[in-house]
Amino acid sequence: MGGTGYRTVGVVAAAILFSTPSYADEKACPQADPSFVIRKTESWYDLEYKGSQIHRIESKQLNDLFGGKLPATDCDVALSSRDVMGIVVGWKKDLLIVFGVLRDPQGRPLRVNMLSWSPHAGAFDSIILNDQAELVVRYGTFATRICWNKGWKQRWEFSNQQSQNDPGPCTTMEAPFGADQYLIPVL
């Protein structure tokens, strides 16, 4: 009788294992803050906090972001700090999604502010993460500085001078070519 119980548990465990979807193209991209991971497949991108999904970019949105072409699953390791996590998207690599982390006084994440910026003004030539919370993006004849939580405003700000040599300081919440940002709770 004891052997039957073990066999039943083993069969149930095997059934669960084989029924869990597996994605051959799945890539886990650890971030500078080890509590966060960005998981990518050709069908979805997830932002996870301590192993729990807090945001998903679904297949339809990825299809739109990549213009119907196959979404990239490589990691953007140079775009991660304790406070910022970035993903370059678009089949021309000309769109940017960045998460800014809002923390409590003890440093625990409370929310992330997701910025979706689609200038469509040429492929990004370079994106440099300065310090913990500032990106300098160069594309075509333009350059834009993007700052996270400057002055503790809990928002993304942008430079309003678009010269390739010096994008200037972050002074406005209005992005060149427009952008969307919204808060996602971290549970």
N, C-alpha and C. Protein backbone atom coordinates (compact mmCIF):
# COMPACT_ATOMS: atom_id res chain seq x y z
N MET A 1 0.82 -1.20 0.00
CA MET A 1 0.00 0.00 0.00
C MET A 1 0.86 1.26 0.00
N GLY A 2 2.00 1.26 0.71
CA GLY A 2 2.88 2.42 0.74
C GLY A 2 3.43 2.76 -0.63
N GLY A 3 3.74 1.77 -1.48
CA GLY A 3 4.28 2.02 -2.81
C GLY A 3 3.27 2.69 -3.72
N THR A 4 1.99 2.41 -3.55
CA THR A 4 0.96 2.99 -4.41
C THR A 4 0.86 4.50 -4.21
N GLY A 5 0.96 4.96 -3.00
CA GLY A 5 0.89 6.39 -2.72
C GLY A 5 2.02 7.15 -3.39
N TYR A 6 3.23 6.61 -3.33
CA TYR A 6 4.38 7.26 -3.98
C TYR A 6 4.21 7.31 -5.49
N ARG A 7 3.69 6.22 -6.05
CA ARG A 7 3.51 6.18 -7.50
C ARG A 7 2.48 7.22 -7.93
N THR A 8 1.40 7.38 -7.17
CA THR A 8 0.37 8.36 -7.49
C THR A 8 0.94 9.78 -7.44
N VAL A 9 1.72 10.08 -6.40
CA VAL A 9 2.33 11.40 -6.28
C VAL A 9 3.29 11.63 -7.44
N GLY A 10 4.08 10.63 -7.80
CA GLY A 10 5.01 10.76 -8.91
C GLY A 10 4.31 11.00 -10.23
N VAL A 11 3.18 10.31 -10.47
CA VAL A 11 2.41 10.50 -11.70
C VAL A 11 1.80 11.89 -11.75
N VAL A 12 1.27 12.37 -10.61
CA VAL A 12 0.69 13.70 -10.55
C VAL A 12 1.78 14.75 -10.79
N ALA A 13 2.95 14.60 -10.16
CA ALA A 13 4.04 15.55 -10.35
C ALA A 13 4.50 15.57 -11.80
N ALA A 14 4.60 14.41 -12.43
CA ALA A 14 5.01 14.35 -13.84
C ALA A 14 3.96 15.02 -14.73
N ALA A 15 2.68 14.82 -14.42
CA ALA A 15 1.61 15.44 -15.21
C ALA A 15 1.67 16.95 -15.10
N ILE A 16 1.93 17.46 -13.91
CA ILE A 16 2.05 18.91 -13.72
C ILE A 16 3.25 19.45 -14.49
N LEU A 17 4.38 18.75 -14.39
CA LEU A 17 5.59 19.17 -15.06
C LEU A 17 5.38 19.24 -16.57
N PHE A 18 4.74 18.23 -17.15
CA PHE A 18 4.56 18.21 -18.59
C PHE A 18 3.45 19.12 -19.07
N SER A 19 2.53 19.53 -18.19
CA SER A 19 1.45 20.43 -18.60
C SER A 19 1.86 21.90 -18.49
N THR A 20 2.99 22.21 -17.81
CA THR A 20 3.46 23.58 -17.69
C THR A 20 4.05 24.02 -19.02
N PRO A 21 3.59 25.17 -19.56
CA PRO A 21 4.12 25.60 -20.85
C PRO A 21 5.61 25.88 -20.77
N SER A 22 6.31 25.47 -21.78
CA SER A 22 7.75 25.70 -21.85
C SER A 22 8.03 26.49 -23.13
N TYR A 23 8.86 27.51 -23.02
CA TYR A 23 9.19 28.34 -24.16
C TYR A 23 10.67 28.20 -24.47
N ALA A 24 10.96 27.58 -25.63
CA ALA A 24 12.34 27.34 -26.02
C ALA A 24 13.10 28.66 -26.17
N ASP A 25 12.38 29.71 -26.56
CA ASP A 25 13.04 31.00 -26.79
C ASP A 25 13.06 31.88 -25.55
N GLU A 26 12.61 31.38 -24.39
CA GLU A 26 12.54 32.21 -23.20
C GLU A 26 13.94 32.58 -22.71
N LYS A 27 14.09 33.86 -22.39
CA LYS A 27 15.36 34.37 -21.89
C LYS A 27 15.08 35.13 -20.60
N ALA A 28 15.76 34.77 -19.52
CA ALA A 28 15.66 35.50 -18.26
C ALA A 28 16.78 36.53 -18.24
N CYS A 29 16.43 37.79 -18.08
CA CYS A 29 17.40 38.88 -18.07
C CYS A 29 17.46 39.46 -16.66
N PRO A 30 18.42 39.01 -15.82
CA PRO A 30 18.54 39.56 -14.48
C PRO A 30 18.87 41.05 -14.55
N GLN A 31 18.43 41.77 -13.56
CA GLN A 31 18.64 43.21 -13.51
C GLN A 31 19.63 43.56 -12.40
N ALA A 32 20.08 44.81 -12.35
CA ALA A 32 21.04 45.24 -11.33
C ALA A 32 20.48 45.04 -9.92
N ASP A 33 19.18 45.27 -9.74
CA ASP A 33 18.51 44.93 -8.49
C ASP A 33 18.10 43.46 -8.64
N PRO A 34 18.72 42.53 -7.91
CA PRO A 34 18.48 41.11 -8.13
C PRO A 34 17.04 40.66 -7.84
N SER A 35 16.22 41.50 -7.24
CA SER A 35 14.82 41.15 -7.00
C SER A 35 13.99 41.22 -8.29
N PHE A 36 14.52 41.91 -9.31
CA PHE A 36 13.80 42.07 -10.58
C PHE A 36 14.42 41.20 -11.67
N VAL A 37 13.57 40.67 -12.54
CA VAL A 37 13.99 39.93 -13.74
C VAL A 37 13.05 40.33 -14.86
N ILE A 38 13.60 40.51 -16.05
CA ILE A 38 12.77 40.69 -17.24
C ILE A 38 12.87 39.39 -18.02
N ARG A 39 11.73 38.72 -18.22
CA ARG A 39 11.68 37.49 -19.01
C ARG A 39 11.13 37.83 -20.38
N LYS A 40 11.79 37.28 -21.41
CA LYS A 40 11.38 37.57 -22.78
C LYS A 40 11.16 36.27 -23.55
N THR A 41 10.10 36.24 -24.31
CA THR A 41 9.90 35.21 -25.32
C THR A 41 9.48 35.95 -26.58
N GLU A 42 9.29 35.23 -27.65
CA GLU A 42 8.81 35.85 -28.88
C GLU A 42 7.32 36.19 -28.78
N SER A 43 6.66 35.73 -27.69
CA SER A 43 5.22 35.95 -27.51
C SER A 43 4.88 36.95 -26.42
N TRP A 44 5.75 37.18 -25.45
CA TRP A 44 5.49 38.10 -24.36
C TRP A 44 6.79 38.51 -23.68
N TYR A 45 6.75 39.66 -23.00
CA TYR A 45 7.82 40.10 -22.11
C TYR A 45 7.19 40.29 -20.74
N ASP A 46 7.84 39.77 -19.70
CA ASP A 46 7.36 39.93 -18.32
C ASP A 46 8.37 40.72 -17.51
N LEU A 47 7.86 41.56 -16.61
CA LEU A 47 8.68 42.14 -15.56
C LEU A 47 8.27 41.42 -14.29
N GLU A 48 9.24 40.80 -13.63
CA GLU A 48 8.96 40.04 -12.41
C GLU A 48 9.69 40.66 -11.23
N TYR A 49 9.04 40.59 -10.09
CA TYR A 49 9.65 41.00 -8.83
C TYR A 49 9.61 39.82 -7.87
N LYS A 50 10.75 39.37 -7.43
CA LYS A 50 10.88 38.21 -6.53
C LYS A 50 10.10 37.02 -7.05
N GLY A 51 10.19 36.76 -8.34
CA GLY A 51 9.57 35.58 -8.94
C GLY A 51 8.10 35.73 -9.31
N SER A 52 7.49 36.89 -9.02
CA SER A 52 6.08 37.11 -9.36
C SER A 52 5.97 38.13 -10.48
N GLN A 53 5.14 37.82 -11.46
CA GLN A 53 4.92 38.74 -12.58
C GLN A 53 4.18 39.98 -12.08
N ILE A 54 4.73 41.16 -12.39
CA ILE A 54 4.03 42.40 -12.05
C ILE A 54 3.56 43.15 -13.29
N HIS A 55 4.12 42.78 -14.46
CA HIS A 55 3.68 43.40 -15.70
C HIS A 55 4.02 42.48 -16.87
N ARG A 56 3.10 42.43 -17.85
CA ARG A 56 3.35 41.63 -19.06
C ARG A 56 3.02 42.47 -20.29
N ILE A 57 3.92 42.42 -21.24
CA ILE A 57 3.66 42.97 -22.56
C ILE A 57 3.21 41.79 -23.41
N GLU A 58 1.95 41.78 -23.78
CA GLU A 58 1.34 40.64 -24.47
C GLU A 58 1.76 40.57 -25.94
N SER A 59 1.43 39.46 -26.55
CA SER A 59 1.78 39.18 -27.94
C SER A 59 1.31 40.26 -28.91
N LYS A 60 0.08 40.73 -28.77
CA LYS A 60 -0.47 41.75 -29.67
C LYS A 60 0.35 43.04 -29.59
N GLN A 61 0.67 43.45 -28.36
CA GLN A 61 1.45 44.67 -28.19
C GLN A 61 2.88 44.49 -28.73
N LEU A 62 3.48 43.31 -28.48
CA LEU A 62 4.81 43.05 -29.03
C LEU A 62 4.78 43.08 -30.55
N ASN A 63 3.72 42.51 -31.13
CA ASN A 63 3.56 42.53 -32.59
C ASN A 63 3.54 43.97 -33.09
N ASP A 64 2.81 44.84 -32.38
CA ASP A 64 2.75 46.26 -32.75
C ASP A 64 4.12 46.93 -32.58
N LEU A 65 4.77 46.65 -31.45
CA LEU A 65 6.06 47.27 -31.17
C LEU A 65 7.14 46.87 -32.17
N PHE A 66 7.07 45.63 -32.67
CA PHE A 66 8.07 45.15 -33.61
C PHE A 66 7.60 45.17 -35.05
N GLY A 67 6.49 45.86 -35.32
CA GLY A 67 6.01 46.02 -36.69
C GLY A 67 5.73 44.70 -37.38
N GLY A 68 5.24 43.71 -36.63
CA GLY A 68 4.91 42.42 -37.20
C GLY A 68 6.11 41.50 -37.39
N LYS A 69 7.28 41.98 -37.05
CA LYS A 69 8.49 41.15 -37.17
C LYS A 69 8.72 40.40 -35.85
N LEU A 70 9.62 39.43 -35.86
CA LEU A 70 9.89 38.60 -34.69
C LEU A 70 10.49 39.44 -33.56
N PRO A 71 9.86 39.44 -32.36
CA PRO A 71 10.41 40.20 -31.22
C PRO A 71 11.77 39.66 -30.78
N ALA A 72 12.63 40.56 -30.36
CA ALA A 72 13.97 40.19 -29.88
C ALA A 72 13.86 39.59 -28.49
N THR A 73 14.69 38.60 -28.19
CA THR A 73 14.71 38.01 -26.86
C THR A 73 16.06 38.20 -26.17
N ASP A 74 16.94 39.00 -26.75
CA ASP A 74 18.23 39.24 -26.11
C ASP A 74 18.06 40.20 -24.93
N CYS A 75 19.04 40.21 -24.04
CA CYS A 75 18.98 41.04 -22.84
C CYS A 75 19.67 42.38 -23.08
N ASP A 76 19.14 43.42 -22.46
CA ASP A 76 19.69 44.78 -22.55
C ASP A 76 20.43 45.09 -21.25
N VAL A 77 21.51 44.36 -20.97
CA VAL A 77 22.17 44.44 -19.67
C VAL A 77 22.74 45.81 -19.35
N ALA A 78 23.14 46.58 -20.34
CA ALA A 78 23.73 47.89 -20.09
C ALA A 78 22.69 48.93 -19.69
N LEU A 79 21.41 48.56 -19.73
CA LEU A 79 20.34 49.52 -19.42
C LEU A 79 19.69 49.24 -18.07
N SER A 80 20.45 48.70 -17.13
CA SER A 80 19.89 48.36 -15.83
C SER A 80 20.75 48.94 -14.71
N SER A 81 20.07 49.54 -13.75
CA SER A 81 20.71 50.01 -12.51
C SER A 81 19.76 49.64 -11.38
N ARG A 82 20.06 50.04 -10.19
CA ARG A 82 19.17 49.76 -9.05
C ARG A 82 17.81 50.43 -9.26
N ASP A 83 17.78 51.54 -10.00
CA ASP A 83 16.56 52.33 -10.13
C ASP A 83 15.90 52.30 -11.50
N VAL A 84 16.59 51.78 -12.52
CA VAL A 84 16.11 51.85 -13.90
C VAL A 84 16.33 50.51 -14.60
N MET A 85 15.35 50.08 -15.41
CA MET A 85 15.48 48.87 -16.22
C MET A 85 14.93 49.18 -17.60
N GLY A 86 15.77 49.05 -18.64
CA GLY A 86 15.36 49.44 -19.99
C GLY A 86 15.31 48.27 -20.96
N ILE A 87 14.45 48.40 -21.97
CA ILE A 87 14.31 47.42 -23.05
C ILE A 87 14.19 48.20 -24.36
N VAL A 88 15.07 47.90 -25.32
CA VAL A 88 14.96 48.49 -26.65
C VAL A 88 14.07 47.58 -27.48
N VAL A 89 13.07 48.15 -28.13
CA VAL A 89 12.15 47.38 -28.96
C VAL A 89 12.03 48.03 -30.33
N GLY A 90 11.19 47.44 -31.16
CA GLY A 90 10.99 47.94 -32.51
C GLY A 90 11.90 47.21 -33.48
N TRP A 91 11.39 46.87 -34.65
CA TRP A 91 12.23 46.13 -35.60
C TRP A 91 13.37 46.98 -36.12
N LYS A 92 13.24 48.30 -35.97
CA LYS A 92 14.36 49.19 -36.32
C LYS A 92 15.17 49.58 -35.08
N LYS A 93 14.84 48.99 -33.92
CA LYS A 93 15.49 49.33 -32.65
C LYS A 93 15.39 50.83 -32.40
N ASP A 94 14.15 51.35 -32.53
CA ASP A 94 13.92 52.79 -32.40
C ASP A 94 12.86 53.13 -31.35
N LEU A 95 12.52 52.17 -30.52
CA LEU A 95 11.53 52.37 -29.46
C LEU A 95 12.12 51.93 -28.13
N LEU A 96 11.70 52.56 -27.05
CA LEU A 96 12.29 52.28 -25.74
C LEU A 96 11.20 52.13 -24.69
N ILE A 97 11.35 51.07 -23.88
CA ILE A 97 10.50 50.88 -22.70
C ILE A 97 11.45 50.89 -21.51
N VAL A 98 11.15 51.73 -20.52
CA VAL A 98 12.01 51.83 -19.34
C VAL A 98 11.13 51.83 -18.10
N PHE A 99 11.56 51.07 -17.11
CA PHE A 99 10.87 51.01 -15.82
C PHE A 99 11.70 51.76 -14.79
N GLY A 100 11.10 52.72 -14.10
CA GLY A 100 11.76 53.42 -13.00
C GLY A 100 11.17 52.93 -11.70
N VAL A 101 12.01 52.59 -10.73
CA VAL A 101 11.57 51.99 -9.48
C VAL A 101 11.34 53.07 -8.42
N LEU A 102 10.14 53.05 -7.82
CA LEU A 102 9.81 53.92 -6.69
C LEU A 102 9.98 53.10 -5.41
N ARG A 103 10.75 53.61 -4.47
CA ARG A 103 11.06 52.85 -3.26
C ARG A 103 10.57 53.56 -2.01
N ASP A 104 10.31 52.78 -0.95
CA ASP A 104 9.95 53.36 0.34
C ASP A 104 11.24 53.82 1.03
N PRO A 105 11.14 54.49 2.20
CA PRO A 105 12.35 54.99 2.86
C PRO A 105 13.38 53.90 3.21
N GLN A 106 12.94 52.64 3.33
CA GLN A 106 13.85 51.54 3.61
C GLN A 106 14.45 50.95 2.33
N GLY A 107 14.07 51.48 1.17
CA GLY A 107 14.62 51.01 -0.09
C GLY A 107 13.84 49.89 -0.76
N ARG A 108 12.69 49.50 -0.19
CA ARG A 108 11.87 48.44 -0.80
C ARG A 108 11.04 49.01 -1.94
N PRO A 109 10.99 48.32 -3.08
CA PRO A 109 10.18 48.79 -4.21
C PRO A 109 8.69 48.81 -3.87
N LEU A 110 8.03 49.92 -4.20
CA LEU A 110 6.59 50.04 -4.02
C LEU A 110 5.85 49.96 -5.35
N ARG A 111 6.39 50.69 -6.34
CA ARG A 111 5.79 50.75 -7.68
C ARG A 111 6.91 50.94 -8.69
N VAL A 112 6.58 50.65 -9.94
CA VAL A 112 7.47 51.04 -11.02
C VAL A 112 6.68 51.95 -11.95
N ASN A 113 7.37 52.92 -12.51
CA ASN A 113 6.76 53.81 -13.48
C ASN A 113 7.28 53.37 -14.84
N MET A 114 6.37 52.89 -15.68
CA MET A 114 6.76 52.40 -17.00
C MET A 114 6.66 53.53 -18.01
N LEU A 115 7.79 53.79 -18.68
CA LEU A 115 7.84 54.78 -19.74
C LEU A 115 7.90 54.05 -21.06
N SER A 116 7.03 54.42 -21.97
CA SER A 116 7.03 53.87 -23.32
C SER A 116 7.25 55.05 -24.26
N TRP A 117 8.43 55.07 -24.91
CA TRP A 117 8.83 56.20 -25.75
C TRP A 117 9.07 55.71 -27.17
N SER A 118 8.36 56.29 -28.11
CA SER A 118 8.41 55.86 -29.51
C SER A 118 8.69 57.04 -30.42
N PRO A 119 9.93 57.53 -30.46
CA PRO A 119 10.20 58.70 -31.30
C PRO A 119 10.10 58.42 -32.80
N HIS A 120 10.32 57.17 -33.23
CA HIS A 120 10.27 56.82 -34.67
C HIS A 120 11.08 57.82 -35.51
N ALA A 121 12.23 58.23 -34.99
CA ALA A 121 13.06 59.21 -35.70
C ALA A 121 14.41 58.60 -36.08
N GLY A 122 14.42 57.31 -36.33
CA GLY A 122 15.64 56.61 -36.69
C GLY A 122 16.07 55.66 -35.60
N ALA A 123 16.83 54.64 -35.99
CA ALA A 123 17.33 53.66 -35.03
C ALA A 123 18.21 54.35 -33.99
N PHE A 124 18.19 53.84 -32.77
CA PHE A 124 19.06 54.39 -31.74
C PHE A 124 20.51 54.06 -32.09
N ASP A 125 21.34 55.10 -32.09
CA ASP A 125 22.77 54.89 -32.33
C ASP A 125 23.43 54.38 -31.05
N SER A 126 23.06 54.97 -29.95
CA SER A 126 23.58 54.52 -28.65
C SER A 126 22.61 54.94 -27.56
N ILE A 127 22.62 54.17 -26.49
CA ILE A 127 21.91 54.53 -25.27
C ILE A 127 22.90 54.30 -24.14
N ILE A 128 23.17 55.35 -23.39
CA ILE A 128 24.13 55.27 -22.29
C ILE A 128 23.39 55.54 -20.99
N LEU A 129 23.57 54.65 -20.03
CA LEU A 129 22.99 54.83 -18.70
C LEU A 129 24.04 55.52 -17.84
N ASN A 130 23.77 56.80 -17.49
CA ASN A 130 24.66 57.56 -16.62
C ASN A 130 24.16 57.43 -15.19
N ASP A 131 25.08 57.28 -14.26
CA ASP A 131 24.71 57.18 -12.85
C ASP A 131 23.69 56.06 -12.67
N GLN A 132 22.70 56.29 -11.86
CA GLN A 132 21.67 55.29 -11.59
C GLN A 132 20.38 55.54 -12.34
N ALA A 133 20.15 56.78 -12.79
CA ALA A 133 18.80 57.11 -13.23
C ALA A 133 18.73 58.08 -14.40
N GLU A 134 19.74 58.07 -15.27
CA GLU A 134 19.73 59.00 -16.40
C GLU A 134 20.21 58.28 -17.66
N LEU A 135 19.42 58.37 -18.72
CA LEU A 135 19.78 57.79 -20.01
C LEU A 135 20.06 58.91 -21.01
N VAL A 136 21.09 58.73 -21.83
CA VAL A 136 21.34 59.63 -22.95
C VAL A 136 21.17 58.78 -24.21
N VAL A 137 20.18 59.16 -25.03
CA VAL A 137 19.84 58.40 -26.21
C VAL A 137 20.21 59.23 -27.44
N ARG A 138 21.00 58.64 -28.34
CA ARG A 138 21.39 59.30 -29.60
C ARG A 138 20.78 58.53 -30.75
N TYR A 139 20.15 59.28 -31.68
CA TYR A 139 19.46 58.66 -32.82
C TYR A 139 19.39 59.67 -33.95
N GLY A 140 19.92 59.27 -35.11
CA GLY A 140 19.92 60.18 -36.24
C GLY A 140 20.65 61.46 -35.90
N THR A 141 19.99 62.59 -36.14
CA THR A 141 20.60 63.88 -35.82
C THR A 141 20.18 64.38 -34.44
N PHE A 142 19.50 63.54 -33.68
CA PHE A 142 18.97 63.95 -32.37
C PHE A 142 19.69 63.25 -31.22
N ALA A 143 19.58 63.85 -30.05
CA ALA A 143 19.99 63.24 -28.79
C ALA A 143 18.99 63.69 -27.73
N THR A 144 18.61 62.78 -26.85
CA THR A 144 17.65 63.09 -25.79
C THR A 144 18.18 62.55 -24.48
N ARG A 145 18.10 63.36 -23.44
CA ARG A 145 18.42 62.91 -22.08
C ARG A 145 17.08 62.57 -21.41
N ILE A 146 17.04 61.42 -20.75
CA ILE A 146 15.84 60.97 -20.04
C ILE A 146 16.25 60.70 -18.59
N CYS A 147 15.59 61.37 -17.65
CA CYS A 147 15.94 61.27 -16.24
C CYS A 147 14.79 60.66 -15.44
N TRP A 148 15.14 59.79 -14.51
CA TRP A 148 14.15 59.17 -13.66
C TRP A 148 14.17 59.78 -12.27
N ASN A 149 12.99 60.18 -11.79
CA ASN A 149 12.75 60.60 -10.42
C ASN A 149 13.64 61.77 -9.99
N LYS A 150 13.93 62.65 -10.93
CA LYS A 150 14.75 63.84 -10.63
C LYS A 150 13.97 64.73 -9.65
N GLY A 151 14.62 65.17 -8.61
CA GLY A 151 13.95 66.00 -7.61
C GLY A 151 12.82 65.27 -6.88
N TRP A 152 12.88 63.94 -6.88
CA TRP A 152 11.89 63.10 -6.20
C TRP A 152 10.47 63.32 -6.71
N LYS A 153 10.32 63.63 -8.01
CA LYS A 153 9.00 63.86 -8.61
C LYS A 153 8.29 62.57 -8.98
N GLN A 154 8.99 61.44 -8.92
CA GLN A 154 8.43 60.13 -9.24
C GLN A 154 7.90 60.05 -10.67
N ARG A 155 8.55 60.77 -11.57
CA ARG A 155 8.17 60.81 -12.98
C ARG A 155 9.43 60.79 -13.83
N TRP A 156 9.24 60.50 -15.11
CA TRP A 156 10.31 60.61 -16.10
C TRP A 156 10.34 62.04 -16.64
N GLU A 157 11.53 62.59 -16.81
CA GLU A 157 11.69 63.92 -17.39
C GLU A 157 12.64 63.83 -18.58
N PHE A 158 12.57 64.84 -19.44
CA PHE A 158 13.33 64.84 -20.70
C PHE A 158 14.04 66.16 -20.90
N SER A 159 15.11 66.10 -21.69
CA SER A 159 15.75 67.34 -22.11
C SER A 159 14.90 67.95 -23.22
N ASN A 160 14.94 69.25 -23.34
CA ASN A 160 14.15 69.88 -24.42
C ASN A 160 15.06 70.43 -25.52
N GLN A 161 16.35 70.22 -25.39
CA GLN A 161 17.30 70.61 -26.42
C GLN A 161 17.72 69.32 -27.11
N GLN A 162 17.50 69.23 -28.42
CA GLN A 162 17.72 67.95 -29.10
C GLN A 162 18.97 67.93 -29.96
N SER A 163 20.01 68.65 -29.59
CA SER A 163 21.24 68.66 -30.38
C SER A 163 22.00 67.35 -30.17
N GLN A 164 22.61 66.84 -31.23
CA GLN A 164 23.37 65.58 -31.16
C GLN A 164 24.57 65.71 -30.22
N ASN A 165 25.15 66.91 -30.14
CA ASN A 165 26.33 67.10 -29.28
C ASN A 165 25.97 67.13 -27.80
N ASP A 166 24.96 67.90 -27.46
CA ASP A 166 24.59 68.04 -26.05
C ASP A 166 23.08 68.10 -25.94
N PRO A 167 22.45 67.06 -25.40
CA PRO A 167 21.00 67.09 -25.30
C PRO A 167 20.48 68.03 -24.20
N GLY A 168 21.36 68.55 -23.39
CA GLY A 168 20.94 69.47 -22.32
C GLY A 168 20.38 68.71 -21.14
N PRO A 169 20.03 69.46 -20.07
CA PRO A 169 19.52 68.83 -18.85
C PRO A 169 18.04 68.45 -18.99
N CYS A 170 17.60 67.59 -18.11
CA CYS A 170 16.17 67.23 -18.05
C CYS A 170 15.41 68.38 -17.41
N THR A 171 14.45 68.93 -18.14
CA THR A 171 13.70 70.08 -17.62
C THR A 171 12.20 69.97 -17.84
N THR A 172 11.73 68.93 -18.54
CA THR A 172 10.30 68.84 -18.85
C THR A 172 9.81 67.39 -18.80
N MET A 173 8.54 67.22 -18.51
CA MET A 173 7.93 65.89 -18.55
C MET A 173 7.37 65.58 -19.94
N GLU A 174 7.46 66.56 -20.84
CA GLU A 174 7.01 66.37 -22.23
C GLU A 174 8.15 65.78 -23.04
N ALA A 175 7.96 64.56 -23.54
CA ALA A 175 9.00 63.91 -24.31
C ALA A 175 9.00 64.39 -25.75
N PRO A 176 10.19 64.52 -26.35
CA PRO A 176 10.20 64.80 -27.78
C PRO A 176 9.55 63.63 -28.51
N PHE A 177 8.67 63.92 -29.43
CA PHE A 177 7.92 62.93 -30.19
C PHE A 177 6.88 62.19 -29.35
N GLY A 178 6.65 62.61 -28.11
CA GLY A 178 5.61 62.02 -27.26
C GLY A 178 6.05 60.75 -26.54
N ALA A 179 5.41 60.48 -25.41
CA ALA A 179 5.69 59.29 -24.60
C ALA A 179 4.52 59.05 -23.67
N ASP A 180 4.41 57.82 -23.19
CA ASP A 180 3.40 57.46 -22.19
C ASP A 180 4.13 56.94 -20.97
N GLN A 181 3.61 57.27 -19.79
CA GLN A 181 4.14 56.67 -18.56
C GLN A 181 3.01 56.41 -17.60
N TYR A 182 3.09 55.25 -16.94
CA TYR A 182 2.07 54.92 -15.94
C TYR A 182 2.64 54.02 -14.87
N LEU A 183 1.99 54.03 -13.70
CA LEU A 183 2.46 53.31 -12.52
C LEU A 183 1.95 51.88 -12.49
N ILE A 184 2.84 50.97 -12.06
CA ILE A 184 2.52 49.56 -11.90
C ILE A 184 2.86 49.20 -10.45
N PRO A 185 1.91 48.67 -9.67
CA PRO A 185 2.23 48.30 -8.29
C PRO A 185 3.18 47.11 -8.22
N VAL A 186 4.04 47.12 -7.22
CA VAL A 186 4.90 45.98 -6.92
C VAL A 186 4.31 45.33 -5.68
N LEU A 187 3.87 44.09 -5.80
CA LEU A 187 3.22 43.43 -4.66
C LEU A 187 4.16 42.56 -3.89
